[in-house]
C-alpha atoms as a PDB file:
ATOM      1  CA  MET A   1     -30.725  59.631  48.165  1.00  0.00           C
ATOM      2  CA  ASN A   2     -30.312  62.103  45.299  1.00  0.00           C
ATOM      3  CA  ALA A   3     -32.843  60.783  42.804  1.00  0.00           C
ATOM      4  CA  GLN A   4     -32.841  62.303  39.330  1.00  0.00           C
ATOM      5  CA  VAL A   5     -36.395  63.163  38.326  1.00  0.00           C
ATOM      6  CA  ARG A   6     -37.437  63.399  34.691  1.00  0.00           C
ATOM      7  CA  ARG A   7     -40.674  64.266  32.951  1.00  0.00           C
ATOM      8  CA  TRP A   8     -41.510  61.659  30.338  1.00  0.00           C
ATOM      9  CA  VAL A   9     -43.929  64.018  28.592  1.00  0.00           C
ATOM     10  CA  PRO A  10     -42.844  67.630  29.227  1.00  0.00           C
ATOM     11  CA  ARG A  11     -46.232  69.187  28.512  1.00  0.00           C
ATOM     12  CA  LEU A  12     -47.854  66.976  31.159  1.00  0.00           C
ATOM     13  CA  GLY A  13     -45.639  68.437  33.882  1.00  0.00           C
ATOM     14  CA  PHE A  14     -45.779  66.701  37.262  1.00  0.00           C
ATOM     15  CA  THR A  15     -48.156  64.024  35.962  1.00  0.00           C
ATOM     16  CA  SER A  16     -45.351  62.413  33.970  1.00  0.00           C
ATOM     17  CA  ALA A  17     -42.582  62.951  36.554  1.00  0.00           C
ATOM     18  CA  PHE A  18     -40.545  59.784  37.107  1.00  0.00           C
ATOM     19  CA  SER A  19     -37.338  58.687  38.811  1.00  0.00           C
ATOM     20  CA  PHE A  20     -35.697  55.281  38.356  1.00  0.00           C
ATOM     21  CA  ASP A  21     -33.950  55.612  41.731  1.00  0.00           C
ATOM     22  CA  ALA A  22     -37.191  56.473  43.494  1.00  0.00           C
ATOM     23  CA  MET A  23     -38.915  53.549  41.792  1.00  0.00           C
ATOM     24  CA  LYS A  24     -36.197  51.118  42.908  1.00  0.00           C
ATOM     25  CA  SER A  25     -36.537  52.337  46.492  1.00  0.00           C
ATOM     26  CA  LEU A  26     -40.301  52.050  46.265  1.00  0.00           C
ATOM     27  CA  VAL A  27     -40.164  48.440  45.048  1.00  0.00           C
ATOM     28  CA  ARG A  28     -37.732  47.518  47.836  1.00  0.00           C
ATOM     29  CA  ALA A  29     -40.082  49.061  50.410  1.00  0.00           C
ATOM     30  CA  ILE A  30     -43.103  47.232  48.973  1.00  0.00           C
ATOM     31  CA  ARG A  31     -41.262  43.899  49.236  1.00  0.00           C
ATOM     32  CA  ASP A  32     -40.854  44.407  52.989  1.00  0.00           C
ATOM     33  CA  VAL A  33     -44.504  45.046  53.877  1.00  0.00           C
ATOM     34  CA  ASP A  34     -47.805  43.192  53.888  1.00  0.00           C
ATOM     35  CA  THR A  35     -50.120  46.041  52.897  1.00  0.00           C
ATOM     36  CA  VAL A  36     -49.551  48.905  50.466  1.00  0.00           C
ATOM     37  CA  HIS A  37     -51.660  52.063  50.790  1.00  0.00           C
ATOM     38  CA  VAL A  38     -51.417  54.269  47.695  1.00  0.00           C
ATOM     39  CA  SER A  39     -52.581  57.870  47.610  1.00  0.00           C
ATOM     40  CA  TYR A  40     -53.896  57.437  44.126  1.00  0.00           C
ATOM     41  CA  SER A  41     -53.989  59.620  41.050  1.00  0.00           C
ATOM     42  CA  ARG A  42     -53.377  59.236  37.335  1.00  0.00           C
ATOM     43  CA  GLU A  43     -49.688  60.122  37.767  1.00  0.00           C
ATOM     44  CA  ILE A  44     -46.944  57.655  36.859  1.00  0.00           C
ATOM     45  CA  LEU A  45     -45.452  56.854  40.270  1.00  0.00           C
ATOM     46  CA  PRO A  46     -48.754  56.093  42.083  1.00  0.00           C
ATOM     47  CA  ILE A  47     -49.809  53.877  39.175  1.00  0.00           C
ATOM     48  CA  LEU A  48     -46.493  52.008  39.207  1.00  0.00           C
ATOM     49  CA  ALA A  49     -46.671  51.657  43.000  1.00  0.00           C
ATOM     50  CA  ALA A  50     -50.057  49.945  42.673  1.00  0.00           C
ATOM     51  CA  VAL A  51     -48.810  47.722  39.826  1.00  0.00           C
ATOM     52  CA  SER A  52     -45.772  46.713  41.914  1.00  0.00           C
ATOM     53  CA  ALA A  53     -47.960  45.875  44.912  1.00  0.00           C
ATOM     54  CA  LEU A  54     -50.141  43.605  42.798  1.00  0.00           C
ATOM     55  CA  MET A  55     -47.167  41.927  41.109  1.00  0.00           C
ATOM     56  CA  LEU A  56     -45.601  41.242  44.516  1.00  0.00           C
ATOM     57  CA  ARG A  57     -48.950  39.910  45.794  1.00  0.00           C
ATOM     58  CA  LYS A  58     -49.383  42.503  48.518  1.00  0.00           C
ATOM     59  CA  ARG A  59     -52.692  43.681  49.881  1.00  0.00           C
ATOM     60  CA  LEU A  60     -53.531  46.937  48.117  1.00  0.00           C
ATOM     61  CA  ILE A  61     -55.496  49.948  49.339  1.00  0.00           C
ATOM     62  CA  VAL A  62     -56.073  52.825  46.918  1.00  0.00           C
ATOM     63  CA  GLN A  63     -57.284  56.259  47.969  1.00  0.00           C
ATOM     64  CA  PRO A  64     -58.039  58.709  45.124  1.00  0.00           C
ATOM     65  CA  HIS A  65     -58.881  61.765  47.279  1.00  0.00           C
ATOM     66  CA  GLY A  66     -61.495  62.984  44.807  1.00  0.00           C
ATOM     67  CA  MET A  67     -58.961  63.237  41.983  1.00  0.00           C
ATOM     68  CA  LEU A  68     -60.489  60.709  39.594  1.00  0.00           C
ATOM     69  CA  THR A  69     -64.149  61.607  39.351  1.00  0.00           C
ATOM     70  CA  SER A  70     -63.619  65.385  39.472  1.00  0.00           C
ATOM     71  CA  ARG A  71     -61.351  65.475  36.407  1.00  0.00           C
ATOM     72  CA  SER A  72     -62.149  64.279  32.908  1.00  0.00           C
ATOM     73  CA  SER A  73     -60.489  64.711  29.524  1.00  0.00           C
ATOM     74  CA  LEU A  74     -59.411  62.554  26.589  1.00  0.00           C
ATOM     75  CA  LEU A  75     -56.029  61.981  28.233  1.00  0.00           C
ATOM     76  CA  HIS A  76     -57.703  61.008  31.503  1.00  0.00           C
ATOM     77  CA  ARG A  77     -59.952  58.522  29.695  1.00  0.00           C
ATOM     78  CA  ILE A  78     -56.926  56.950  28.007  1.00  0.00           C
ATOM     79  CA  ALA A  79     -55.116  56.608  31.353  1.00  0.00           C
ATOM     80  CA  ASP A  80     -58.269  55.086  32.867  1.00  0.00           C
ATOM     81  CA  ILE A  81     -57.920  52.020  30.655  1.00  0.00           C
ATOM     82  CA  VAL A  82     -55.121  51.013  33.028  1.00  0.00           C
ATOM     83  CA  VAL A  83     -56.333  52.812  36.144  1.00  0.00           C
ATOM     84  CA  LYS A  84     -59.723  51.088  36.257  1.00  0.00           C
ATOM     85  CA  ARG A  85     -58.096  47.653  36.019  1.00  0.00           C
ATOM     86  CA  LEU A  86     -55.914  48.492  39.015  1.00  0.00           C
ATOM     87  CA  PHE A  87     -58.922  49.662  41.013  1.00  0.00           C
ATOM     88  CA  ARG A  88     -60.801  46.453  40.330  1.00  0.00           C
ATOM     89  CA  ALA A  89     -57.786  44.423  41.421  1.00  0.00           C
ATOM     90  CA  SER A  90     -57.320  46.287  44.722  1.00  0.00           C
ATOM     91  CA  ASP A  91     -58.471  44.959  48.099  1.00  0.00           C
ATOM     92  CA  VAL A  92     -60.011  48.202  49.364  1.00  0.00           C
ATOM     93  CA  VAL A  93     -60.869  51.582  47.849  1.00  0.00           C
ATOM     94  CA  LEU A  94     -61.053  54.518  50.242  1.00  0.00           C
ATOM     95  CA  ALA A  95     -63.543  57.216  49.242  1.00  0.00           C
ATOM     96  CA  LEU A  96     -63.702  60.693  50.741  1.00  0.00           C
ATOM     97  CA  THR A  97     -67.483  60.627  51.048  1.00  0.00           C
ATOM     98  CA  ASP A  98     -70.510  58.525  50.125  1.00  0.00           C
ATOM     99  CA  ILE A  99     -70.950  60.801  47.118  1.00  0.00           C
ATOM    100  CA  GLU A 100     -67.442  60.052  45.877  1.00  0.00           C
ATOM    101  CA  ARG A 101     -68.049  56.332  46.383  1.00  0.00           C
ATOM    102  CA  GLN A 102     -71.160  56.555  44.198  1.00  0.00           C
ATOM    103  CA  ASP A 103     -69.265  58.592  41.597  1.00  0.00           C
ATOM    104  CA  LEU A 104     -66.437  56.043  41.556  1.00  0.00           C
ATOM    105  CA  GLU A 105     -68.903  53.203  41.091  1.00  0.00           C
ATOM    106  CA  GLY A 106     -70.303  55.039  38.075  1.00  0.00           C
ATOM    107  CA  TRP A 107     -66.786  55.808  36.824  1.00  0.00           C
ATOM    108  CA  LEU A 108     -65.864  52.100  36.937  1.00  0.00           C
ATOM    109  CA  GLY A 109     -68.827  51.431  34.695  1.00  0.00           C
ATOM    110  CA  LYS A 110     -69.663  47.904  35.796  1.00  0.00           C
ATOM    111  CA  ALA A 111     -70.101  45.839  38.932  1.00  0.00           C
ATOM    112  CA  SER A 112     -66.790  45.032  40.563  1.00  0.00           C
ATOM    113  CA  PRO A 113     -65.915  43.014  43.691  1.00  0.00           C
ATOM    114  CA  ILE A 114     -64.558  46.131  45.418  1.00  0.00           C
ATOM    115  CA  SER A 115     -64.602  46.676  49.171  1.00  0.00           C
ATOM    116  CA  TRP A 116     -65.415  50.347  49.801  1.00  0.00           C
ATOM    117  CA  VAL A 117     -64.537  52.321  52.907  1.00  0.00           C
ATOM    118  CA  VAL A 118     -65.553  55.962  53.320  1.00  0.00           C
ATOM    119  CA  LEU A 119     -62.800  57.961  55.001  1.00  0.00           C
ATOM    120  CA  GLY A 120     -62.240  61.686  54.599  1.00  0.00           C
ATOM    121  CA  ASN A 121     -59.029  63.680  54.776  1.00  0.00           C
ATOM    122  CA  PRO A 122     -57.578  64.658  58.142  1.00  0.00           C
ATOM    123  CA  VAL A 123     -57.292  68.373  58.777  1.00  0.00           C
ATOM    124  CA  GLY A 124     -53.710  69.560  59.161  1.00  0.00           C
ATOM    125  CA  ARG A 125     -52.378  71.071  62.365  1.00  0.00           C
ATOM    126  CA  LEU A 126     -53.934  74.446  63.068  1.00  0.00           C
ATOM    127  CA  ARG A 127     -50.836  76.443  63.939  1.00  0.00           C
ATOM    128  CA  GLY A 128     -51.271  79.653  65.887  1.00  0.00           C
ATOM    129  CA  VAL A 129     -55.030  79.330  66.423  1.00  0.00           C
ATOM    130  CA  GLN A 130     -57.301  77.642  68.928  1.00  0.00           C
ATOM    131  CA  ALA A 131     -60.433  75.698  68.053  1.00  0.00           C
ATOM    132  CA  VAL A 132     -63.165  76.844  70.444  1.00  0.00           C
ATOM    133  CA  VAL A 133     -66.928  77.212  70.409  1.00  0.00           C
ATOM    134  CA  ARG A 134     -67.776  80.722  69.247  1.00  0.00           C
ATOM    135  CA  PRO A 135     -70.661  82.338  71.141  1.00  0.00           C
ATOM    136  CA  ALA A 136     -70.953  85.010  68.449  1.00  0.00           C
ATOM    137  CA  PRO A 137     -69.266  86.010  65.181  1.00  0.00           C
ATOM    138  CA  ARG A 138     -65.855  87.628  65.509  1.00  0.00           C
ATOM    139  CA  LYS A 139     -66.667  89.746  62.457  1.00  0.00           C
ATOM    140  CA  ASP A 140     -69.771  90.712  60.535  1.00  0.00           C
ATOM    141  CA  GLU A 141     -68.138  89.051  57.550  1.00  0.00           C
ATOM    142  CA  ALA A 142     -68.586  86.261  55.007  1.00  0.00           C
ATOM    143  CA  LEU A 143     -65.322  84.735  53.780  1.00  0.00           C
ATOM    144  CA  TRP A 144     -64.729  82.890  50.491  1.00  0.00           C
ATOM    145  CA  VAL A 145     -61.404  81.069  50.005  1.00  0.00           C
ATOM    146  CA  ALA A 146     -60.520  79.150  46.829  1.00  0.00           C
ATOM    147  CA  ARG A 147     -58.860  79.439  43.453  1.00  0.00           C
ATOM    148  CA  LEU A 148     -60.817  81.819  41.220  1.00  0.00           C
ATOM    149  CA  HIS A 149     -61.780  78.994  38.874  1.00  0.00           C
ATOM    150  CA  PRO A 150     -65.132  78.653  37.063  1.00  0.00           C
ATOM    151  CA  ARG A 151     -66.077  75.501  39.023  1.00  0.00           C
ATOM    152  CA  LYS A 152     -65.665  77.425  42.278  1.00  0.00           C
ATOM    153  CA  ARG A 153     -68.405  79.862  41.188  1.00  0.00           C
ATOM    154  CA  VAL A 154     -67.095  82.967  42.896  1.00  0.00           C
ATOM    155  CA  GLY A 155     -69.686  84.884  40.870  1.00  0.00           C
ATOM    156  CA  ASP A 156     -72.426  83.555  43.165  1.00  0.00           C
ATOM    157  CA  PHE A 157     -70.584  84.992  46.159  1.00  0.00           C
ATOM    158  CA  VAL A 158     -70.222  88.340  44.370  1.00  0.00           C
ATOM    159  CA  SER A 159     -73.952  88.309  43.605  1.00  0.00           C
ATOM    160  CA  ALA A 160     -74.738  87.584  47.260  1.00  0.00           C
ATOM    161  CA  ALA A 161     -72.615  90.595  48.237  1.00  0.00           C
ATOM    162  CA  ALA A 162     -74.581  92.766  45.812  1.00  0.00           C
ATOM    163  CA  ILE A 163     -77.878  91.537  47.287  1.00  0.00           C
ATOM    164  CA  SER A 164     -76.605  92.235  50.807  1.00  0.00           C
ATOM    165  CA  ILE A 165     -75.606  95.816  50.126  1.00  0.00           C
ATOM    166  CA  GLY A 166     -78.854  96.318  48.240  1.00  0.00           C
ATOM    167  CA  LYS A 167     -80.676  95.503  51.474  1.00  0.00           C
ATOM    168  CA  GLY A 168     -78.623  98.066  53.342  1.00  0.00           C
ATOM    169  CA  ALA A 169     -76.717  95.433  55.349  1.00  0.00           C
ATOM    170  CA  GLU A 170     -73.237  96.176  56.683  1.00  0.00           C
ATOM    171  CA  THR A 171     -71.862  92.653  56.241  1.00  0.00           C
ATOM    172  CA  GLN A 172     -68.458  92.524  54.573  1.00  0.00           C
ATOM    173  CA  TYR A 173     -67.765  89.946  51.850  1.00  0.00           C
ATOM    174  CA  ALA A 174     -64.101  88.928  51.484  1.00  0.00           C
ATOM    175  CA  ILE A 175     -62.524  86.839  48.720  1.00  0.00           C
ATOM    176  CA  VAL A 176     -59.143  85.119  49.137  1.00  0.00           C
ATOM    177  CA  GLY A 177     -57.337  82.978  46.574  1.00  0.00           C
ATOM    178  CA  PRO A 178     -55.119  82.861  43.489  1.00  0.00           C
ATOM    179  CA  ASP A 179     -56.359  83.607  40.000  1.00  0.00           C
ATOM    180  CA  GLY A 180     -57.977  80.801  38.044  1.00  0.00           C
ATOM    181  CA  GLY A 181     -59.557  82.871  35.314  1.00  0.00           C
ATOM    182  CA  HIS A 182     -61.905  85.217  37.177  1.00  0.00           C
ATOM    183  CA  ARG A 183     -59.531  87.634  38.915  1.00  0.00           C
ATOM    184  CA  ASP A 184     -60.327  90.587  36.646  1.00  0.00           C
ATOM    185  CA  ASP A 185     -64.069  90.025  37.083  1.00  0.00           C
ATOM    186  CA  VAL A 186     -63.663  89.952  40.862  1.00  0.00           C
ATOM    187  CA  ILE A 187     -61.573  93.138  40.925  1.00  0.00           C
ATOM    188  CA  GLN A 188     -64.165  94.904  38.781  1.00  0.00           C
ATOM    189  CA  ALA A 189     -66.955  93.728  41.102  1.00  0.00           C
ATOM    190  CA  CYS A 190     -65.037  95.035  44.130  1.00  0.00           C
ATOM    191  CA  ARG A 191     -64.983  98.478  42.532  1.00  0.00           C
ATOM    192  CA  ALA A 192     -68.764  98.318  42.096  1.00  0.00           C
ATOM    193  CA  HIS A 193     -69.610  96.971  45.566  1.00  0.00           C
ATOM    194  CA  PRO A 194     -67.992  98.674  48.594  1.00  0.00           C
ATOM    195  CA  ASN A 195     -68.818  95.706  50.859  1.00  0.00           C
ATOM    196  CA  LEU A 196     -66.740  93.355  48.680  1.00  0.00           C
ATOM    197  CA  VAL A 197     -62.935  93.010  48.896  1.00  0.00           C
ATOM    198  CA  TYR A 198     -60.406  90.797  47.137  1.00  0.00           C
ATOM    199  CA  GLU A 199     -57.361  89.999  49.298  1.00  0.00           C
ATOM    200  CA  GLY A 200     -55.388  87.977  46.752  1.00  0.00           C
ATOM    201  CA  ALA A 201     -53.509  84.731  47.340  1.00  0.00           C
ATOM    202  CA  ILE A 202     -51.994  84.002  50.757  1.00  0.00           C
ATOM    203  CA  SER A 203     -49.914  81.186  52.303  1.00  0.00           C
ATOM    204  CA  PRO A 204     -51.535  78.052  53.792  1.00  0.00           C
ATOM    205  CA  ASP A 205     -50.737  79.147  57.366  1.00  0.00           C
ATOM    206  CA  ALA A 206     -52.184  82.568  56.622  1.00  0.00           C
ATOM    207  CA  VAL A 207     -55.340  80.908  55.266  1.00  0.00           C
ATOM    208  CA  VAL A 208     -55.894  79.182  58.617  1.00  0.00           C
ATOM    209  CA  ARG A 209     -55.469  82.469  60.504  1.00  0.00           C
ATOM    210  CA  ARG A 210     -57.731  84.276  58.040  1.00  0.00           C
ATOM    211  CA  ILE A 211     -60.516  81.726  58.474  1.00  0.00           C
ATOM    212  CA  ASP A 212     -60.104  81.894  62.251  1.00  0.00           C
ATOM    213  CA  ALA A 213     -60.688  85.660  62.161  1.00  0.00           C
ATOM    214  CA  SER A 214     -63.785  85.459  59.939  1.00  0.00           C
ATOM    215  CA  GLY A 215     -67.486  85.359  60.715  1.00  0.00           C
ATOM    216  CA  VAL A 216     -68.943  82.767  58.310  1.00  0.00           C
ATOM    217  CA  PHE A 217     -67.139  80.602  55.772  1.00  0.00           C
ATOM    218  CA  VAL A 218     -68.857  80.256  52.391  1.00  0.00           C
ATOM    219  CA  LEU A 219     -68.353  77.586  49.736  1.00  0.00           C
ATOM    220  CA  THR A 220     -70.039  78.141  46.377  1.00  0.00           C
ATOM    221  CA  SER A 221     -68.352  75.363  44.361  1.00  0.00           C
ATOM    222  CA  HIS A 222     -70.196  72.987  42.093  1.00  0.00           C
ATOM    223  CA  LYS A 223     -69.677  69.353  43.133  1.00  0.00           C
ATOM    224  CA  GLU A 224     -66.790  70.039  45.503  1.00  0.00           C
ATOM    225  CA  PRO A 225     -65.380  66.524  46.170  1.00  0.00           C
ATOM    226  CA  TRP A 226     -64.082  67.469  49.615  1.00  0.00           C
ATOM    227  CA  GLY A 227     -62.799  70.966  50.347  1.00  0.00           C
ATOM    228  CA  ASN A 228     -59.739  71.156  52.612  1.00  0.00           C
ATOM    229  CA  VAL A 229     -60.432  74.805  53.410  1.00  0.00           C
ATOM    230  CA  LEU A 230     -64.031  73.938  54.270  1.00  0.00           C
ATOM    231  CA  ALA A 231     -62.801  71.194  56.603  1.00  0.00           C
ATOM    232  CA  THR A 232     -60.449  73.709  58.209  1.00  0.00           C
ATOM    233  CA  ALA A 233     -63.324  76.104  58.870  1.00  0.00           C
ATOM    234  CA  LEU A 234     -65.348  73.341  60.521  1.00  0.00           C
ATOM    235  CA  SER A 235     -62.346  72.355  62.642  1.00  0.00           C
ATOM    236  CA  LEU A 236     -62.029  75.943  63.861  1.00  0.00           C
ATOM    237  CA  GLY A 237     -65.691  76.122  64.817  1.00  0.00           C
ATOM    238  CA  VAL A 238     -66.542  78.630  62.086  1.00  0.00           C
ATOM    239  CA  PRO A 239     -70.144  78.130  60.862  1.00  0.00           C
ATOM    240  CA  VAL A 240     -70.384  77.457  57.131  1.00  0.00           C
ATOM    241  CA  VAL A 241     -72.743  78.054  54.231  1.00  0.00           C
ATOM    242  CA  VAL A 242     -72.287  75.496  51.437  1.00  0.00           C
ATOM    243  CA  THR A 243     -73.941  74.389  48.209  1.00  0.00           C
ATOM    244  CA  GLU A 244     -76.058  71.234  47.967  1.00  0.00           C
ATOM    245  CA  SER A 245     -73.686  69.608  45.475  1.00  0.00           C
ATOM    246  CA  CYS A 246     -70.775  69.813  47.915  1.00  0.00           C
ATOM    247  CA  ALA A 247     -69.856  66.270  48.975  1.00  0.00           C
ATOM    248  CA  LEU A 248     -69.862  67.251  52.665  1.00  0.00           C
ATOM    249  CA  SER A 249     -73.221  69.049  52.559  1.00  0.00           C
ATOM    250  CA  ALA A 250     -75.264  66.107  53.846  1.00  0.00           C
ATOM    251  CA  THR A 251     -72.853  65.554  56.731  1.00  0.00           C
ATOM    252  CA  ILE A 252     -72.852  69.269  57.576  1.00  0.00           C
ATOM    253  CA  SER A 253     -76.664  69.199  57.681  1.00  0.00           C
ATOM    254  CA  LYS A 254     -76.669  66.044  59.792  1.00  0.00           C
ATOM    255  CA  TYR A 255     -74.396  67.606  62.410  1.00  0.00           C
ATOM    256  CA  GLY A 256     -75.968  71.059  62.139  1.00  0.00           C
ATOM    257  CA  ALA A 257     -72.577  72.650  61.474  1.00  0.00           C
ATOM    258  CA  GLY A 258     -73.899  75.174  58.961  1.00  0.00           C
ATOM    259  CA  LEU A 259     -76.528  75.880  56.334  1.00  0.00           C
ATOM    260  CA  VAL A 260     -76.902  74.249  52.916  1.00  0.00           C
ATOM    261  CA  VAL A 261     -78.252  76.235  49.967  1.00  0.00           C
ATOM    262  CA  PRO A 262     -79.126  75.281  46.372  1.00  0.00           C
ATOM    263  CA  ASP A 263     -76.367  75.609  43.795  1.00  0.00           C
ATOM    264  CA  GLY A 264     -76.469  78.855  41.867  1.00  0.00           C
ATOM    265  CA  ALA A 265     -78.782  80.589  44.366  1.00  0.00           C
ATOM    266  CA  PRO A 266     -77.003  83.720  45.654  1.00  0.00           C
ATOM    267  CA  ALA A 267     -80.209  85.055  47.248  1.00  0.00           C
ATOM    268  CA  SER A 268     -80.483  81.931  49.431  1.00  0.00           C
ATOM    269  CA  MET A 269     -76.791  82.220  50.173  1.00  0.00           C
ATOM    270  CA  GLU A 270     -77.104  85.839  51.280  1.00  0.00           C
ATOM    271  CA  SER A 271     -80.086  85.132  53.524  1.00  0.00           C
ATOM    272  CA  SER A 272     -78.289  82.161  55.124  1.00  0.00           C
ATOM    273  CA  ILE A 273     -75.213  84.293  55.793  1.00  0.00           C
ATOM    274  CA  ALA A 274     -77.367  87.039  57.286  1.00  0.00           C
ATOM    275  CA  HIS A 275     -79.216  84.530  59.467  1.00  0.00           C
ATOM    276  CA  LEU A 276     -76.057  83.065  60.973  1.00  0.00           C
ATOM    277  CA  LEU A 277     -74.400  86.430  61.528  1.00  0.00           C
ATOM    278  CA  GLY A 278     -77.562  87.900  63.049  1.00  0.00           C
ATOM    279  CA  ASP A 279     -78.540  85.058  65.402  1.00  0.00           C
ATOM    280  CA  ASP A 280     -75.972  84.331  68.115  1.00  0.00           C
ATOM    281  CA  ILE A 281     -77.843  81.239  69.324  1.00  0.00           C
ATOM    282  CA  ALA A 282     -77.898  79.650  65.860  1.00  0.00           C
ATOM    283  CA  TYR A 283     -74.306  80.746  65.269  1.00  0.00           C
ATOM    284  CA  SER A 284     -73.033  79.189  68.507  1.00  0.00           C
ATOM    285  CA  ALA A 285     -74.941  75.956  67.852  1.00  0.00           C
ATOM    286  CA  CYS A 286     -73.340  75.637  64.388  1.00  0.00           C
ATOM    287  CA  SER A 287     -69.911  76.399  65.836  1.00  0.00           C
ATOM    288  CA  GLU A 288     -70.237  73.668  68.460  1.00  0.00           C
ATOM    289  CA  ALA A 289     -71.566  71.191  65.876  1.00  0.00           C
ATOM    290  CA  GLY A 290     -68.658  71.930  63.530  1.00  0.00           C
ATOM    291  CA  LEU A 291     -66.144  71.157  66.252  1.00  0.00           C
ATOM    292  CA  ARG A 292     -67.970  67.926  67.090  1.00  0.00           C
ATOM    293  CA  MET A 293     -68.053  66.894  63.418  1.00  0.00           C
ATOM    294  CA  SER A 294     -64.360  67.639  63.097  1.00  0.00           C
ATOM    295  CA  LYS A 295     -63.428  65.654  66.192  1.00  0.00           C
ATOM    296  CA  GLU A 296     -65.459  62.627  65.171  1.00  0.00           C
ATOM    297  CA  LEU A 297     -64.677  62.560  61.442  1.00  0.00           C
ATOM    298  CA  LEU A 298     -61.930  64.962  60.400  1.00  0.00           C
ATOM    299  CA  SER A 299     -59.353  64.902  63.173  1.00  0.00           C
ATOM    300  CA  GLU A 300     -56.012  63.182  62.824  1.00  0.00           C
ATOM    301  CA  GLU A 301     -56.850  60.941  65.782  1.00  0.00           C
ATOM    302  CA  ALA A 302     -60.126  59.791  64.233  1.00  0.00           C
ATOM    303  CA  GLN A 303     -58.419  59.087  60.920  1.00  0.00           C
ATOM    304  CA  LYS A 304     -55.623  57.099  62.583  1.00  0.00           C
ATOM    305  CA  LYS A 305     -58.127  54.921  64.451  1.00  0.00           C
ATOM    306  CA  SER A 306     -60.080  54.202  61.271  1.00  0.00           C
ATOM    307  CA  LEU A 307     -56.946  53.320  59.297  1.00  0.00           C
ATOM    308  CA  ALA A 308     -55.499  51.152  62.078  1.00  0.00           C
ATOM    309  CA  LEU A 309     -58.754  49.201  62.225  1.00  0.00           C
ATOM    310  CA  LEU A 310     -58.758  48.800  58.446  1.00  0.00           C
ATOM    311  CA  TYR A 311     -55.169  47.559  58.336  1.00  0.00           C
ATOM    312  CA  ARG A 312     -55.875  44.998  61.076  1.00  0.00           C
ATOM    313  CA  GLU A 313     -58.953  43.694  59.255  1.00  0.00           C
ATOM    314  CA  LEU A 314     -57.171  43.070  55.951  1.00  0.00           C
END
């Protein structure tokens, strides 16, 4: 089908993308099923898919993937007048984590007869690499991968690198990701700190290989709702250092897959990185725990089992 796609509001870009042909096909597909599972956002087609499911009296599952509570603006609040009604009318809401479930409850603003299920995102196929327990770091290196956006707090990672070299350590600190406003600051910091390097943006497959070759994966974000790259690191058995506000931090601590540090505390971050890279026993234990966490919670097989059980119970 060659569906013509238009943007209803050009300045909104993909958010307002719509196709009458795609919508007709979507409605026909919804008529033929019992349950509709919508990967949910404030974009037009997911909203209309949920509306169609309710109008056709189908069981409705919505899964926002952290996209609702992590973004807020006047336009978002206007869209939420409709979006919140659809959430309250759904049969099940899938949350990435317990933290997202709590945030969504606060976002809804009042008690609603919603059935919540916590289910994370499956990690994609790890092409060209092998997930194994690591007896020791492959590199004396801390790796940071994300968009250079203020919420990602790359500055904390840069500060940790400065603390490390100030102690005379030889650990390398590597930054990977596209610009989000802090590229010039990062490049300037790399000139000042010889143990810090910025590698720019790379392809998704290259990201997997880059994580696989690293020593420790570091996440500095404030209130990261999930973190696909973080989940990839865990699935590869790479020990992690993450901030307390990260939605997966409690689970990482429970499994022992890495170390959790306070937000905005580069000194704690640096010492945690140094501990993991300098203690092979602790490093191997975190690696094994990360693989176990991934198998039980993040793998495609685990996700399929959870969804199949949910669909049968509806």
